[in-house]
Protein backbone atom coordinates (compact mmCIF):
# COMPACT_ATOMS: atom_id res chain seq x y z
CA UNK A 1 113.48 73.31 82.65
CA UNK A 2 113.09 70.30 80.37
CA UNK A 3 116.23 68.62 81.69
CA UNK A 4 115.03 69.02 85.27
CA UNK A 5 111.52 67.78 84.43
CA UNK A 6 113.04 64.78 82.69
CA UNK A 7 115.13 63.95 85.77
CA UNK A 8 112.33 64.39 88.32
CA UNK A 9 110.00 61.41 88.67
CA UNK A 10 107.50 62.10 91.45
CA UNK A 11 103.69 61.81 91.57
CA UNK A 12 103.42 65.41 92.80
CA UNK A 13 105.66 66.98 90.15
CA UNK A 14 104.27 67.48 86.65
CA UNK A 15 105.58 64.81 84.29
CA UNK A 16 106.70 64.82 80.65
CA UNK A 17 104.60 62.22 78.81
CA UNK A 18 106.03 62.50 75.33
CA UNK A 19 108.26 64.49 73.03
CA UNK A 20 107.64 65.12 69.34
CA UNK A 21 109.40 67.21 66.77
CA UNK A 22 109.39 68.10 63.11
CA UNK A 23 111.64 70.28 60.98
CA UNK A 24 110.52 73.55 62.58
CA UNK A 25 108.96 72.81 65.96
CA UNK A 26 109.51 70.81 69.14
CA UNK A 27 106.48 69.58 71.11
CA UNK A 28 106.60 68.67 74.79
CA UNK A 29 103.56 66.71 75.99
CA UNK A 30 102.92 67.25 79.71
CA UNK A 31 100.36 65.84 82.10
CA UNK A 32 96.95 67.48 81.98
CA UNK A 33 95.50 68.58 85.33
CA UNK A 34 91.73 69.06 85.25
CA UNK A 35 91.53 71.30 88.34
CA UNK A 36 93.61 74.23 87.10
CA UNK A 37 96.11 75.96 89.38
CA UNK A 38 95.85 76.35 93.14
CA UNK A 39 95.92 80.16 92.99
CA UNK A 40 92.74 80.26 90.89
CA UNK A 41 91.11 77.66 93.14
CA UNK A 42 91.85 79.62 96.34
CA UNK A 43 90.41 82.84 94.87
CA UNK A 44 87.18 81.08 93.87
CA UNK A 45 86.98 79.29 97.23
CA UNK A 46 87.30 82.56 99.17
CA UNK A 47 84.80 84.30 96.88
CA UNK A 48 82.23 81.56 97.45
CA UNK A 49 82.83 80.83 101.15
CA UNK A 50 83.84 84.35 102.28
CA UNK A 51 86.71 82.75 104.17
CA UNK A 52 90.11 81.20 103.41
CA UNK A 53 90.72 77.44 103.36
CA UNK A 54 90.39 75.58 106.63
CA UNK A 55 93.48 73.96 108.10
CA UNK A 56 92.34 70.43 107.22
CA UNK A 57 92.48 71.32 103.51
CA UNK A 58 95.79 73.15 103.94
CA UNK A 59 97.31 70.09 105.57
CA UNK A 60 96.05 67.85 102.74
CA UNK A 61 97.73 70.15 100.22
CA UNK A 62 101.01 70.45 102.12
CA UNK A 63 101.22 66.68 102.57
CA UNK A 64 101.60 66.48 98.78
CA UNK A 65 103.51 69.70 98.03
CA UNK A 66 106.19 69.33 100.74
CA UNK A 67 107.33 65.78 99.83
CA UNK A 68 107.60 66.78 96.16
CA UNK A 69 109.76 69.77 97.07
CA UNK A 70 111.87 67.65 99.43
CA UNK A 71 112.39 65.13 96.62
CA UNK A 72 113.40 67.93 94.25
CA UNK A 73 115.96 69.18 96.77
CA UNK A 74 117.29 65.63 97.24
CA UNK A 75 118.14 65.76 93.53
CA UNK A 76 120.01 69.05 94.09
CA UNK A 77 117.40 71.05 92.19
CA UNK A 78 116.04 74.34 93.50
CA UNK A 79 112.67 75.51 92.10
CA UNK A 80 113.04 79.29 92.73
CA UNK A 81 109.41 80.13 91.91
CA UNK A 82 107.18 78.27 94.37
CA UNK A 83 103.78 80.00 94.39
CA UNK A 84 100.14 78.92 94.27
CA UNK A 85 99.95 79.48 90.51
CA UNK A 86 102.75 76.92 90.04
CA UNK A 87 100.81 74.17 91.80
CA UNK A 88 98.25 72.34 89.66
CA UNK A 89 95.32 70.28 90.90
CA UNK A 90 93.95 67.11 89.38
CA UNK A 91 90.74 65.58 90.70
CA UNK A 92 91.35 61.91 90.19
CA UNK A 93 87.76 60.67 89.95
CA UNK A 94 87.08 62.65 86.77
CA UNK A 95 88.37 61.56 83.35
CA UNK A 96 90.90 63.94 81.89
CA UNK A 97 91.93 62.00 78.78
CA UNK A 98 90.35 63.14 75.48
CA UNK A 99 87.93 60.73 73.85
CA UNK A 100 87.04 60.66 70.16
CA UNK A 101 89.33 63.60 69.54
CA UNK A 102 87.41 65.87 71.93
CA UNK A 103 88.99 67.53 74.93
CA UNK A 104 87.36 66.87 78.32
CA UNK A 105 85.05 69.55 79.62
CA UNK A 106 86.57 71.83 82.29
CA UNK A 107 85.42 70.91 85.79
CA UNK A 108 82.94 73.18 87.51
CA UNK A 109 84.09 74.69 90.80
CA UNK A 110 81.51 72.58 92.66
CA UNK A 111 83.28 69.47 91.34
CA UNK A 112 86.66 70.60 92.72
CA UNK A 113 86.13 69.91 96.40
CA UNK A 114 89.31 69.28 98.39
CA UNK A 115 87.29 66.67 100.29
CA UNK A 116 87.62 64.51 97.17
CA UNK A 117 90.54 62.47 95.90
CA UNK A 118 92.95 64.92 94.29
CA UNK A 119 96.60 65.29 93.37
CA UNK A 120 98.61 68.51 93.77
CA UNK A 121 101.49 68.79 91.31
CA UNK A 122 104.34 71.27 91.23
CA UNK A 123 104.94 72.86 87.84
CA UNK A 124 106.60 76.03 86.52
CA UNK A 125 110.18 74.75 86.58
CA UNK A 126 111.35 77.34 84.04
CA UNK A 127 113.36 79.03 86.81
CA UNK A 128 114.62 75.80 88.36
CA UNK A 129 118.37 75.31 88.78
CA UNK A 130 120.56 72.23 89.07
CA UNK A 131 122.88 72.88 92.00
CA UNK A 132 125.22 69.92 91.46
CA UNK A 133 127.86 71.97 89.64
CA UNK A 134 127.17 75.21 91.53
CA UNK A 135 125.93 74.50 95.04
CA UNK A 136 124.56 78.02 95.49
CA UNK A 137 122.38 80.23 93.30
CA UNK A 138 123.04 83.85 92.44
CA UNK A 139 120.62 84.74 89.63
CA UNK A 140 117.52 86.74 90.64
CA UNK A 141 114.48 84.92 89.32
CA UNK A 142 110.98 84.18 90.59
CA UNK A 143 107.98 86.12 91.82
CA UNK A 144 108.76 89.06 94.16
CA UNK A 145 106.00 88.33 96.70
CA UNK A 146 107.50 84.88 97.34
CA UNK A 147 111.23 85.75 97.33
CA UNK A 148 113.33 84.93 100.37
CA UNK A 149 115.54 87.60 102.01
CA UNK A 150 118.62 85.78 100.74
CA UNK A 151 117.33 86.20 97.17
CA UNK A 152 116.26 89.81 97.72
CA UNK A 153 119.74 90.69 98.97
CA UNK A 154 121.08 89.69 95.58
CA UNK A 155 119.26 92.69 94.11
CA UNK A 156 121.95 94.86 95.68
CA UNK A 157 124.71 94.96 93.08
CA UNK A 158 127.25 95.15 95.87
CA UNK A 159 126.03 91.96 97.50
CA UNK A 160 127.96 88.78 96.82
CA UNK A 161 125.68 86.59 98.92
CA UNK A 162 124.24 83.49 97.31
CA UNK A 163 121.32 81.24 98.21
CA UNK A 164 120.48 77.54 98.12
CA UNK A 165 117.44 75.26 98.43
CA UNK A 166 116.40 76.96 101.68
CA UNK A 167 115.03 79.79 99.50
CA UNK A 168 112.26 77.36 98.47
CA UNK A 169 111.48 76.72 102.15
CA UNK A 170 110.80 80.43 102.64
CA UNK A 171 108.43 80.28 99.65
CA UNK A 172 106.73 77.25 101.20
CA UNK A 173 106.12 79.40 104.28
CA UNK A 174 104.67 82.18 102.13
CA UNK A 175 102.18 79.87 100.39
CA UNK A 176 101.20 78.31 103.73
CA UNK A 177 100.45 81.80 105.06
CA UNK A 178 98.55 82.60 101.84
CA UNK A 179 96.45 79.42 102.07
CA UNK A 180 95.60 80.30 105.68
CA UNK A 181 94.76 83.98 105.17
CA UNK A 182 94.06 84.51 101.46
CA UNK A 183 96.95 86.95 101.01
CA UNK A 184 100.75 86.86 101.06
CA UNK A 185 102.53 87.98 104.26
CA UNK A 186 104.55 90.74 102.57
CA UNK A 187 102.63 93.12 100.33
CA UNK A 188 103.03 96.64 98.98
CA UNK A 189 102.13 99.00 96.16
CA UNK A 190 105.54 98.54 94.53
CA UNK A 191 108.30 95.93 94.61
CA UNK A 192 110.67 98.18 96.57
CA UNK A 193 108.17 98.33 99.43
CA UNK A 194 107.63 94.56 99.30
CA UNK A 195 111.37 93.85 99.35
CA UNK A 196 111.87 96.12 102.36
CA UNK A 197 109.17 94.23 104.28
CA UNK A 198 110.71 90.89 103.31
CA UNK A 199 114.12 92.02 104.53
CA UNK A 200 112.59 93.28 107.79
CA UNK A 201 110.74 89.97 108.14
CA UNK A 202 107.76 91.54 109.88
CA UNK A 203 104.30 90.15 109.25
CA UNK A 204 101.15 89.53 111.24
CA UNK A 205 98.01 87.45 110.99
CA UNK A 206 94.52 88.95 110.65
CA UNK A 207 92.91 89.40 114.06
CA UNK A 208 89.79 87.47 113.07
CA UNK A 209 91.76 84.28 112.43
CA UNK A 210 92.08 81.69 115.16
CA UNK A 211 94.81 79.42 113.76
CA UNK A 212 96.31 76.41 115.49
CA UNK A 213 99.65 76.57 117.26
CA UNK A 214 100.96 73.99 114.76
CA UNK A 215 100.37 76.07 111.65
CA UNK A 216 101.75 79.22 113.32
CA UNK A 217 104.87 77.25 114.29
CA UNK A 218 105.24 75.99 110.73
CA UNK A 219 104.90 79.45 109.18
CA UNK A 220 107.21 81.08 111.73
CA UNK A 221 109.76 78.30 111.28
CA UNK A 222 109.85 78.71 107.52
CA UNK A 223 109.81 82.52 107.42
CA UNK A 224 113.14 82.85 109.20
CA UNK A 225 115.45 85.58 107.92
CA UNK A 226 118.58 83.43 108.20
CA UNK A 227 118.43 80.37 105.90
CA UNK A 228 120.20 78.12 108.41
CA UNK A 229 117.47 78.84 110.99
CA UNK A 230 114.60 77.71 108.76
CA UNK A 231 112.98 74.38 109.54
CA UNK A 232 114.60 71.34 107.98
CA UNK A 233 112.57 68.63 106.27
CA UNK A 234 112.34 66.41 109.34
CA UNK A 235 110.98 69.32 111.38
CA UNK A 236 108.52 70.24 108.62
CA UNK A 237 107.19 66.69 108.42
């Protein structure tokens, strides 16, 4: 994780600011994001507005998340745990540097409007993998609700299939669906049920939603069972 963070220099990926150590402990100083994680924000937004995010806000988020993920892939690094909780928000017009030894006060939800100037930053690289030496992944890591079929198939001990950066593109499709609807496309009471739905690739949108053709095309293009059929970065952009 630390090696990958050190190698990734992008405004929408959390940065290491400093490193300190003494005889017993190592300290990694990371950027502070005053808006918390996107998963918490979406829950509070839905609770207050009784509706998921509108597509204008979703596009603003994806315009920051997608280039960061593309950059990561250009460095042959796969994240393997893209989810809303691993995307942090920083609202740039509020100070987030401690003064006089005191930490800044947490922002109120009313101060966290996506109409304001904000930065979305990918974090949670503890499952990330450098693919330079091994161009495919085989270890099962990440959050089940966001796993691609090619990762789920690895749960079968008899399967020798591997996966690559396209697994992150599936997860990008899952979070886009979640931002649009407030829930993930594949759910269940236990992981076995979730994995079966992922492998079947069947999902539907709530009837009350009236999404644009563009966002449906994006979600459908990312949630493709076969990795080679998922949208590439030029198509996504």
